[in-house]
Amino acid sequence: MSRPAPARPPLFFGWVVLAASVAVIAVAMGVTFSLAVFLRPLEEQFGWSRGLISGVALVNWIVLGIGSLVWGALSDRVGARRVVALGAALLGGAMLLSSQVRTAGQLYAAFGILGAAGASACYVPLSATATRWFVARRGLAMGIISAGMGLGILAVPPAARALISLLGWRGAFATFGALTWVVAAVAVRFIVNRPEDRGLAPYAAAGGGRAPAAPGVGGLEMTPAEAFRHPAFWGVALAHFACCAAHSGPIFHMVAHAMDLGVPKMAAAAMLGISGGTSIAGRLGSGVLADRLGPRPALVLLLTVQAATLSTYLAAGGAGSLFLVALAFGVAYGGAMPLYALLAREFFGARVVGTAFGGIFLVSTIGMGLGAYAGGIVFDRLGSYWMLHLGSTIVGAAAVVVALGLRPPRPAPSPAPAR
């Protein structure tokens, strides 16, 4: 008498991995973006210029990019769980140190360097992990992972404003440190690097089928050195750089800009949160779009929407119009973000996706840092953000041009058979 087949688990474990990843990314990236809310309190207490405080964001993003490359390569070797646990420990400690700063140099070291080193262990390694767990729904999976960043921007900056009002900015930093440790302690136990580690295969079809992981376009599986030397790598990296340089200044200075125009403090912080909330819709929608059209056409479309939306900041001048722009801007900048990891996986293969995307993300974080820093310098020199928004629109249009030129690597021709 034959034994009955074992029951299929009701829930593919990859969805659990995604949920844990979203929680970690939401805290790590939400804390990173919350520096925008601390800008005015630090300016008021210490008399620091906005250019000086924005320089912390520049250092933070550059270190985050370098760390993403290092942690991404390490996660290809040892898995994301260990990497994320160590990174969360560093980030939580950095926030506690940030609560005790007395000089700008201390803030640069605590938040700018140590905080970025910790936060960088989250997004790229967990993005690479998601690409290994899913095949047919890989775009949706990456949209969900990227939505963690949007969730962080939705929740953490308004929470920061409330905590600053309740506990002061030092208490807010300390609370974020404790929050980072608590969330990571719960989430990391559910992060598994590959489905094979649980005796599973990647999620392959809407019906629940499973299939072995596929290589990149045309069967390509590059080494890290081959990926970094290929023009396609630098094309994707340049598009990501321009995309982030375009939107980082308006994001980082959104709260201060609104407050300068007379918007109340909590409402200004809510604008940043709202943009993060609508970015979730953009991230999930672009993931589904990538599954239907492919990542490159989806990227061109979303970058075009971003450039158009950035231009509306040039005319927005009151609370109502700023809220409307924040709604649309979130969808636009959020929608592009999941697509770069998909391109890295498609162009260079699963074996080096953490390393390749880490390198691409490193280049993009330089754009993030420069955009935020430029906004502070522009304000210090001109007393307004109008030129920042004009420059962001132009750079956003340049990102569209670069994305139009992206082409996947071609496999090397097979040698002719001997006669």
Protein backbone atom coordinates (compact mmCIF):
# COMPACT_ATOMS: atom_id res chain seq x y z
CA MET A 1 0.00 0.00 0.00
CA SER A 2 1.55 3.27 -1.10
CA ARG A 3 1.99 6.09 1.34
CA PRO A 4 0.10 9.32 0.66
CA ALA A 5 2.18 12.17 -0.72
CA PRO A 6 3.24 14.69 1.92
CA ALA A 7 1.04 17.75 2.07
CA ARG A 8 2.40 20.84 0.39
CA PRO A 9 3.11 23.63 2.88
CA PRO A 10 0.29 26.20 2.74
CA LEU A 11 2.75 29.08 2.43
CA PHE A 12 5.97 29.15 0.45
CA PHE A 13 8.72 30.13 2.88
CA GLY A 14 10.04 32.74 0.45
CA TRP A 15 7.15 35.00 1.45
CA VAL A 16 8.28 34.73 5.08
CA VAL A 17 11.80 35.71 4.05
CA LEU A 18 10.37 38.72 2.22
CA ALA A 19 8.34 39.82 5.25
CA ALA A 20 11.36 39.63 7.55
CA SER A 21 13.47 41.48 4.99
CA VAL A 22 10.90 44.26 4.66
CA ALA A 23 10.89 44.79 8.44
CA VAL A 24 14.69 45.10 8.59
CA ILE A 25 14.92 47.36 5.54
CA ALA A 26 12.10 49.59 6.80
CA VAL A 27 13.97 50.31 10.04
CA ALA A 28 17.44 50.64 8.50
CA MET A 29 16.50 52.86 5.58
CA GLY A 30 13.82 54.74 7.52
CA VAL A 31 16.41 55.74 10.12
CA THR A 32 18.79 56.78 7.32
CA PHE A 33 16.19 59.03 5.69
CA SER A 34 15.05 60.43 9.05
CA LEU A 35 18.13 62.66 9.16
CA ALA A 36 16.00 65.07 7.09
CA VAL A 37 13.75 65.57 10.14
CA PHE A 38 16.72 66.20 12.44
CA LEU A 39 18.09 68.92 10.12
CA ARG A 40 16.15 71.86 11.58
CA PRO A 41 16.52 70.83 15.28
CA LEU A 42 20.30 70.45 14.85
CA GLU A 43 20.47 73.75 12.97
CA GLU A 44 18.56 75.51 15.76
CA GLN A 45 20.54 74.03 18.66
CA PHE A 46 24.08 74.23 17.32
CA GLY A 47 23.81 76.97 14.69
CA TRP A 48 25.22 74.65 12.02
CA SER A 49 24.53 75.55 8.38
CA ARG A 50 22.35 73.31 6.25
CA GLY A 51 25.35 72.65 4.03
CA LEU A 52 27.28 71.32 7.03
CA ILE A 53 24.42 69.05 8.14
CA SER A 54 23.76 67.95 4.55
CA GLY A 55 27.40 66.90 4.42
CA VAL A 56 26.51 64.20 6.96
CA ALA A 57 24.08 62.80 4.39
CA LEU A 58 26.82 62.91 1.73
CA VAL A 59 29.23 60.94 3.92
CA ASN A 60 26.42 58.63 5.02
CA TRP A 61 25.42 57.72 1.46
CA ILE A 62 28.98 57.21 0.24
CA VAL A 63 29.80 54.92 3.17
CA LEU A 64 26.47 53.16 2.68
CA GLY A 65 27.40 52.51 -0.95
CA ILE A 66 30.86 51.16 -0.12
CA GLY A 67 29.37 49.03 2.63
CA SER A 68 26.68 47.72 0.29
CA LEU A 69 29.34 46.45 -2.11
CA VAL A 70 31.31 44.81 0.71
CA TRP A 71 28.29 43.34 2.48
CA GLY A 72 26.72 42.26 -0.83
CA ALA A 73 29.86 40.33 -1.83
CA LEU A 74 30.10 38.84 1.67
CA SER A 75 26.46 37.74 1.56
CA ASP A 76 27.19 35.81 -1.64
CA ARG A 77 29.67 33.79 0.46
CA VAL A 78 28.19 33.48 3.95
CA GLY A 79 24.52 34.37 3.47
CA ALA A 80 22.44 37.37 4.39
CA ARG A 81 21.46 36.34 7.93
CA ARG A 82 24.91 36.84 9.46
CA VAL A 83 25.51 40.00 7.46
CA VAL A 84 22.20 41.58 8.49
CA ALA A 85 22.65 40.67 12.16
CA LEU A 86 26.05 42.34 12.31
CA GLY A 87 24.86 45.39 10.39
CA ALA A 88 21.85 45.89 12.67
CA ALA A 89 24.10 45.71 15.72
CA LEU A 90 26.29 48.47 14.26
CA LEU A 91 23.32 50.64 13.26
CA GLY A 92 21.70 50.44 16.68
CA GLY A 93 24.97 51.40 18.36
CA ALA A 94 25.44 54.28 15.93
CA MET A 95 22.05 55.74 16.83
CA LEU A 96 22.87 55.58 20.54
CA LEU A 97 26.15 57.37 19.87
CA SER A 98 24.33 59.96 17.73
CA SER A 99 22.15 60.81 20.72
CA GLN A 100 25.26 61.96 22.61
CA VAL A 101 27.01 64.12 19.99
CA ARG A 102 28.29 67.57 20.90
CA THR A 103 30.19 68.49 17.73
CA ALA A 104 29.62 68.19 14.00
CA GLY A 105 32.60 65.83 13.74
CA GLN A 106 30.96 63.46 16.22
CA LEU A 107 27.74 63.46 14.19
CA TYR A 108 29.70 62.74 11.01
CA ALA A 109 31.44 59.80 12.72
CA ALA A 110 28.37 58.34 14.49
CA PHE A 111 25.53 58.85 12.01
CA GLY A 112 27.49 59.48 8.83
CA ILE A 113 30.04 56.66 9.05
CA LEU A 114 29.10 54.04 11.66
CA GLY A 115 25.36 54.32 10.97
CA ALA A 116 25.88 53.93 7.24
CA ALA A 117 28.20 50.96 7.76
CA GLY A 118 25.41 49.22 9.65
CA ALA A 119 22.51 50.22 7.38
CA SER A 120 24.43 49.11 4.29
CA ALA A 121 24.25 45.49 5.44
CA CYS A 122 20.52 45.37 4.80
CA TYR A 123 19.16 46.49 1.43
CA VAL A 124 21.60 44.98 -1.07
CA PRO A 125 22.12 41.58 0.65
CA LEU A 126 18.38 41.16 1.18
CA SER A 127 17.63 42.23 -2.41
CA ALA A 128 20.08 39.61 -3.66
CA THR A 129 18.47 37.02 -1.38
CA ALA A 130 15.02 37.80 -2.80
CA THR A 131 16.21 37.22 -6.38
CA ARG A 132 17.29 33.70 -5.37
CA TRP A 133 13.94 32.76 -3.85
CA PHE A 134 11.72 33.73 -6.80
CA VAL A 135 11.68 33.09 -10.55
CA ALA A 136 8.33 33.86 -12.21
CA ARG A 137 7.40 36.51 -9.63
CA ARG A 138 10.84 37.97 -9.23
CA GLY A 139 9.69 41.47 -10.17
CA LEU A 140 6.93 41.39 -7.56
CA ALA A 141 9.37 40.04 -4.97
CA MET A 142 11.79 42.88 -5.64
CA GLY A 143 8.93 45.36 -5.49
CA ILE A 144 8.06 44.02 -2.03
CA ILE A 145 11.70 44.23 -0.89
CA SER A 146 11.98 47.79 -2.14
CA ALA A 147 8.66 48.61 -0.50
CA GLY A 148 10.48 48.12 2.79
CA MET A 149 12.35 51.34 2.03
CA GLY A 150 9.09 53.13 1.28
CA LEU A 151 7.54 51.76 4.47
CA GLY A 152 10.51 53.11 6.42
CA ILE A 153 10.12 56.57 4.88
CA LEU A 154 6.37 56.43 5.58
CA ALA A 155 6.72 55.52 9.26
CA VAL A 156 10.08 56.64 10.63
CA PRO A 157 10.32 60.37 9.74
CA PRO A 158 6.89 61.23 11.22
CA ALA A 159 7.81 59.09 14.23
CA ALA A 160 11.08 61.03 14.49
CA ARG A 161 9.19 64.33 14.51
CA ALA A 162 6.84 63.07 17.23
CA LEU A 163 9.72 61.72 19.32
CA ILE A 164 11.66 64.97 18.93
CA SER A 165 8.64 66.89 20.24
CA LEU A 166 8.24 64.42 23.13
CA LEU A 167 11.81 63.48 24.07
CA GLY A 168 14.04 65.91 22.18
CA TRP A 169 16.30 64.97 19.31
CA ARG A 170 18.70 63.07 21.59
CA GLY A 171 15.90 60.89 22.92
CA ALA A 172 14.66 60.27 19.38
CA PHE A 173 18.08 59.02 18.25
CA ALA A 174 18.35 56.73 21.30
CA THR A 175 14.87 55.31 20.70
CA PHE A 176 15.79 54.47 17.11
CA GLY A 177 18.87 52.61 18.33
CA ALA A 178 16.79 50.40 20.61
CA LEU A 179 14.16 49.89 17.89
CA THR A 180 16.81 48.70 15.44
CA TRP A 181 18.07 46.04 17.85
CA VAL A 182 14.58 44.77 18.74
CA VAL A 183 13.36 44.46 15.14
CA ALA A 184 16.57 42.77 13.97
CA ALA A 185 16.54 40.29 16.87
CA VAL A 186 13.09 39.09 15.80
CA ALA A 187 13.52 39.25 12.01
CA VAL A 188 16.94 37.70 11.33
CA ARG A 189 15.88 34.23 12.43
CA PHE A 190 13.50 34.14 9.43
CA ILE A 191 16.11 35.23 6.86
CA VAL A 192 17.36 32.22 4.88
CA ASN A 193 19.84 32.83 2.09
CA ARG A 194 18.63 30.29 -0.48
CA PRO A 195 15.58 28.04 -0.85
CA GLU A 196 17.96 25.09 -1.18
CA ASP A 197 18.97 25.68 2.46
CA ARG A 198 15.47 24.53 3.42
CA GLY A 199 15.25 21.80 0.80
CA LEU A 200 13.15 23.94 -1.54
CA ALA A 201 13.44 25.33 -5.06
CA PRO A 202 12.65 28.93 -6.04
CA TYR A 203 9.04 29.97 -6.55
CA ALA A 204 8.48 29.50 -10.26
CA ALA A 205 4.84 30.03 -11.20
CA ALA A 206 1.60 31.55 -10.03
CA GLY A 207 0.27 28.04 -9.47
CA GLY A 208 2.94 27.34 -6.89
CA GLY A 209 5.34 25.47 -9.14
CA ARG A 210 9.02 25.30 -8.30
CA ALA A 211 11.96 25.49 -10.66
CA PRO A 212 15.71 25.64 -10.41
CA ALA A 213 17.26 29.10 -10.51
CA ALA A 214 17.99 30.32 -14.01
CA PRO A 215 21.15 32.12 -15.10
CA GLY A 216 21.19 35.57 -16.64
CA VAL A 217 20.25 36.62 -20.17
CA GLY A 218 21.33 34.09 -22.75
CA GLY A 219 22.48 31.68 -20.03
CA LEU A 220 25.18 34.07 -18.82
CA GLU A 221 26.75 33.49 -15.41
CA MET A 222 29.54 36.05 -15.01
CA THR A 223 32.28 36.27 -12.43
CA PRO A 224 32.47 39.51 -10.41
CA ALA A 225 35.47 40.67 -12.45
CA GLU A 226 33.65 40.02 -15.73
CA ALA A 227 30.58 41.90 -14.51
CA PHE A 228 32.57 44.94 -13.35
CA ARG A 229 34.47 45.14 -16.65
CA HIS A 230 31.38 44.93 -18.85
CA PRO A 231 29.94 48.17 -20.29
CA ALA A 232 26.43 47.01 -19.30
CA PHE A 233 27.42 47.20 -15.62
CA TRP A 234 28.52 50.81 -15.96
CA GLY A 235 25.41 51.67 -17.98
CA VAL A 236 23.10 50.39 -15.24
CA ALA A 237 25.26 52.06 -12.58
CA LEU A 238 25.18 55.42 -14.39
CA ALA A 239 21.40 55.26 -14.78
CA HIS A 240 21.04 54.48 -11.08
CA PHE A 241 23.45 57.32 -10.21
CA ALA A 242 21.48 59.90 -12.21
CA CYS A 243 18.16 58.61 -10.91
CA CYS A 244 19.29 58.98 -7.28
CA ALA A 245 21.10 62.28 -7.81
CA ALA A 246 17.85 63.65 -9.23
CA HIS A 247 15.53 62.68 -6.39
CA SER A 248 17.77 62.72 -3.30
CA GLY A 249 17.94 66.51 -2.92
CA PRO A 250 14.16 67.02 -3.02
CA ILE A 251 13.68 64.09 -0.63
CA PHE A 252 16.30 65.17 1.92
CA HIS A 253 15.23 68.81 1.93
CA MET A 254 11.48 68.18 1.62
CA VAL A 255 10.74 68.80 5.31
CA ALA A 256 12.94 71.91 5.62
CA HIS A 257 11.59 73.30 2.33
CA ALA A 258 7.99 72.90 3.49
CA MET A 259 8.74 74.48 6.87
CA ASP A 260 10.46 77.41 5.13
CA LEU A 261 7.20 77.96 3.23
CA GLY A 262 5.19 78.07 6.45
CA VAL A 263 3.99 74.46 6.72
CA PRO A 264 3.76 73.32 10.40
CA LYS A 265 6.50 70.96 11.64
CA MET A 266 4.41 67.80 11.93
CA ALA A 267 2.68 68.41 8.60
CA ALA A 268 6.06 68.92 6.92
CA ALA A 269 7.33 65.62 8.32
CA ALA A 270 4.07 64.01 7.20
CA MET A 271 4.84 65.10 3.63
CA LEU A 272 8.02 63.04 3.67
CA GLY A 273 6.08 60.15 5.18
CA ILE A 274 3.37 60.44 2.54
CA SER A 275 5.94 60.33 -0.25
CA GLY A 276 7.31 57.16 1.31
CA GLY A 277 3.83 55.71 1.50
CA THR A 278 3.00 56.36 -2.13
CA SER A 279 6.45 55.08 -3.09
CA ILE A 280 5.28 51.68 -1.85
CA ALA A 281 2.61 51.67 -4.55
CA GLY A 282 5.23 52.70 -7.11
CA ARG A 283 7.64 49.97 -6.01
CA LEU A 284 5.04 47.21 -6.05
CA GLY A 285 3.55 48.44 -9.32
CA SER A 286 6.91 48.62 -11.07
CA GLY A 287 7.73 45.09 -9.93
CA VAL A 288 4.55 43.79 -11.52
CA LEU A 289 5.24 45.92 -14.61
CA ALA A 290 8.73 44.46 -14.88
CA ASP A 291 7.29 40.94 -14.79
CA ARG A 292 5.11 41.87 -17.78
CA LEU A 293 7.35 44.16 -19.87
CA GLY A 294 10.84 43.40 -18.61
CA PRO A 295 12.95 45.54 -16.27
CA ARG A 296 14.49 47.86 -18.89
CA PRO A 297 11.25 49.13 -20.51
CA ALA A 298 9.75 49.52 -17.04
CA LEU A 299 12.79 51.54 -15.93
CA VAL A 300 12.57 53.91 -18.90
CA LEU A 301 8.89 54.53 -18.19
CA LEU A 302 9.36 55.17 -14.45
CA LEU A 303 12.38 57.44 -14.95
CA THR A 304 10.33 59.51 -17.40
CA VAL A 305 7.57 59.86 -14.82
CA GLN A 306 10.14 60.86 -12.19
CA ALA A 307 11.63 63.62 -14.35
CA ALA A 308 8.17 64.99 -15.12
CA THR A 309 7.18 64.95 -11.45
CA LEU A 310 10.37 66.69 -10.33
CA SER A 311 9.54 69.61 -12.60
CA THR A 312 6.29 70.24 -10.67
CA TYR A 313 8.32 71.32 -7.62
CA LEU A 314 9.26 74.45 -9.57
CA ALA A 315 5.67 75.70 -9.33
CA ALA A 316 4.53 74.27 -5.96
CA GLY A 317 4.42 76.96 -3.27
CA GLY A 318 1.79 76.17 -0.63
CA ALA A 319 0.87 73.32 1.69
CA GLY A 320 -1.82 71.93 -0.64
CA SER A 321 0.34 71.86 -3.74
CA LEU A 322 3.32 70.46 -1.80
CA PHE A 323 1.20 67.59 -0.49
CA LEU A 324 0.01 66.79 -4.02
CA VAL A 325 3.56 66.84 -5.37
CA ALA A 326 4.73 64.60 -2.50
CA LEU A 327 2.01 62.08 -3.42
CA ALA A 328 3.07 61.91 -7.07
CA PHE A 329 6.80 62.18 -6.35
CA GLY A 330 6.70 59.14 -4.08
CA VAL A 331 5.17 56.97 -6.79
CA ALA A 332 7.75 58.19 -9.30
CA TYR A 333 10.98 57.81 -7.35
CA GLY A 334 9.83 54.64 -5.61
CA GLY A 335 8.85 52.92 -8.84
CA ALA A 336 12.34 53.00 -10.31
CA MET A 337 14.18 51.59 -7.30
CA PRO A 338 13.39 47.82 -7.50
CA LEU A 339 14.38 47.62 -11.16
CA TYR A 340 18.14 47.95 -10.80
CA ALA A 341 18.50 44.72 -8.82
CA LEU A 342 16.35 42.98 -11.44
CA LEU A 343 18.63 44.28 -14.19
CA ALA A 344 21.70 43.07 -12.27
CA ARG A 345 20.15 39.60 -11.90
CA GLU A 346 19.05 39.49 -15.55
CA PHE A 347 22.30 40.83 -17.01
CA PHE A 348 24.92 39.06 -14.86
CA GLY A 349 23.29 35.94 -13.37
CA ALA A 350 22.37 34.68 -9.89
CA ARG A 351 25.84 33.68 -8.74
CA VAL A 352 27.17 37.23 -8.47
CA VAL A 353 23.96 39.23 -8.10
CA GLY A 354 24.88 40.42 -4.60
CA THR A 355 28.29 41.61 -5.75
CA ALA A 356 27.07 43.14 -9.02
CA PHE A 357 24.12 44.94 -7.46
CA GLY A 358 26.35 46.03 -4.59
CA GLY A 359 28.66 47.72 -7.09
CA ILE A 360 25.75 49.36 -8.91
CA PHE A 361 24.26 50.51 -5.62
CA LEU A 362 27.63 51.97 -4.56
CA VAL A 363 27.65 54.23 -7.63
CA SER A 364 24.03 55.23 -6.97
CA THR A 365 24.72 56.22 -3.36
CA ILE A 366 27.31 58.74 -4.55
CA GLY A 367 24.44 60.32 -6.48
CA MET A 368 22.23 60.20 -3.38
CA GLY A 369 24.88 61.91 -1.29
CA LEU A 370 25.73 64.56 -3.86
CA GLY A 371 22.08 65.43 -4.44
CA ALA A 372 21.39 65.90 -0.72
CA TYR A 373 24.62 67.87 -0.19
CA ALA A 374 24.01 70.08 -3.22
CA GLY A 375 20.61 71.02 -1.83
CA GLY A 376 22.18 72.34 1.36
CA ILE A 377 24.86 74.29 -0.51
CA VAL A 378 22.27 75.79 -2.88
CA PHE A 379 20.12 76.93 0.02
CA ASP A 380 23.08 78.43 1.92
CA ARG A 381 24.14 80.39 -1.18
CA LEU A 382 20.75 81.42 -2.61
CA GLY A 383 18.31 81.20 0.30
CA SER A 384 15.86 78.94 -1.57
CA TYR A 385 15.58 75.49 -3.15
CA TRP A 386 14.35 76.58 -6.60
CA MET A 387 17.69 75.91 -8.32
CA LEU A 388 17.90 72.53 -6.60
CA HIS A 389 14.58 71.50 -8.13
CA LEU A 390 15.59 72.78 -11.57
CA GLY A 391 18.88 70.88 -11.46
CA SER A 392 17.10 67.74 -10.23
CA THR A 393 14.70 67.90 -13.18
CA ILE A 394 17.58 68.16 -15.65
CA VAL A 395 19.49 65.26 -14.06
CA GLY A 396 16.29 63.21 -14.01
CA ALA A 397 15.90 63.73 -17.76
CA ALA A 398 19.52 62.62 -18.25
CA ALA A 399 18.72 59.38 -16.40
CA VAL A 400 16.01 58.63 -18.98
CA VAL A 401 18.53 59.07 -21.82
CA VAL A 402 20.99 56.67 -20.17
CA ALA A 403 18.29 54.05 -19.54
CA LEU A 404 17.23 54.16 -23.19
CA GLY A 405 20.73 53.07 -24.15
CA LEU A 406 20.95 50.05 -21.83
CA ARG A 407 21.59 46.73 -23.56
CA PRO A 408 22.13 43.30 -21.93
CA PRO A 409 25.46 41.51 -22.34
CA ARG A 410 25.69 39.10 -25.23
CA PRO A 411 26.95 35.57 -24.67
CA ALA A 412 30.25 34.80 -26.30
CA PRO A 413 29.87 32.88 -29.59
CA SER A 414 30.44 29.16 -29.35
CA PRO A 415 33.65 27.94 -31.01
CA ALA A 416 33.17 26.36 -34.42
CA PRO A 417 33.32 22.56 -34.34
CA ALA A 418 36.55 21.02 -35.62
CA ARG A 419 36.37 19.43 -39.04
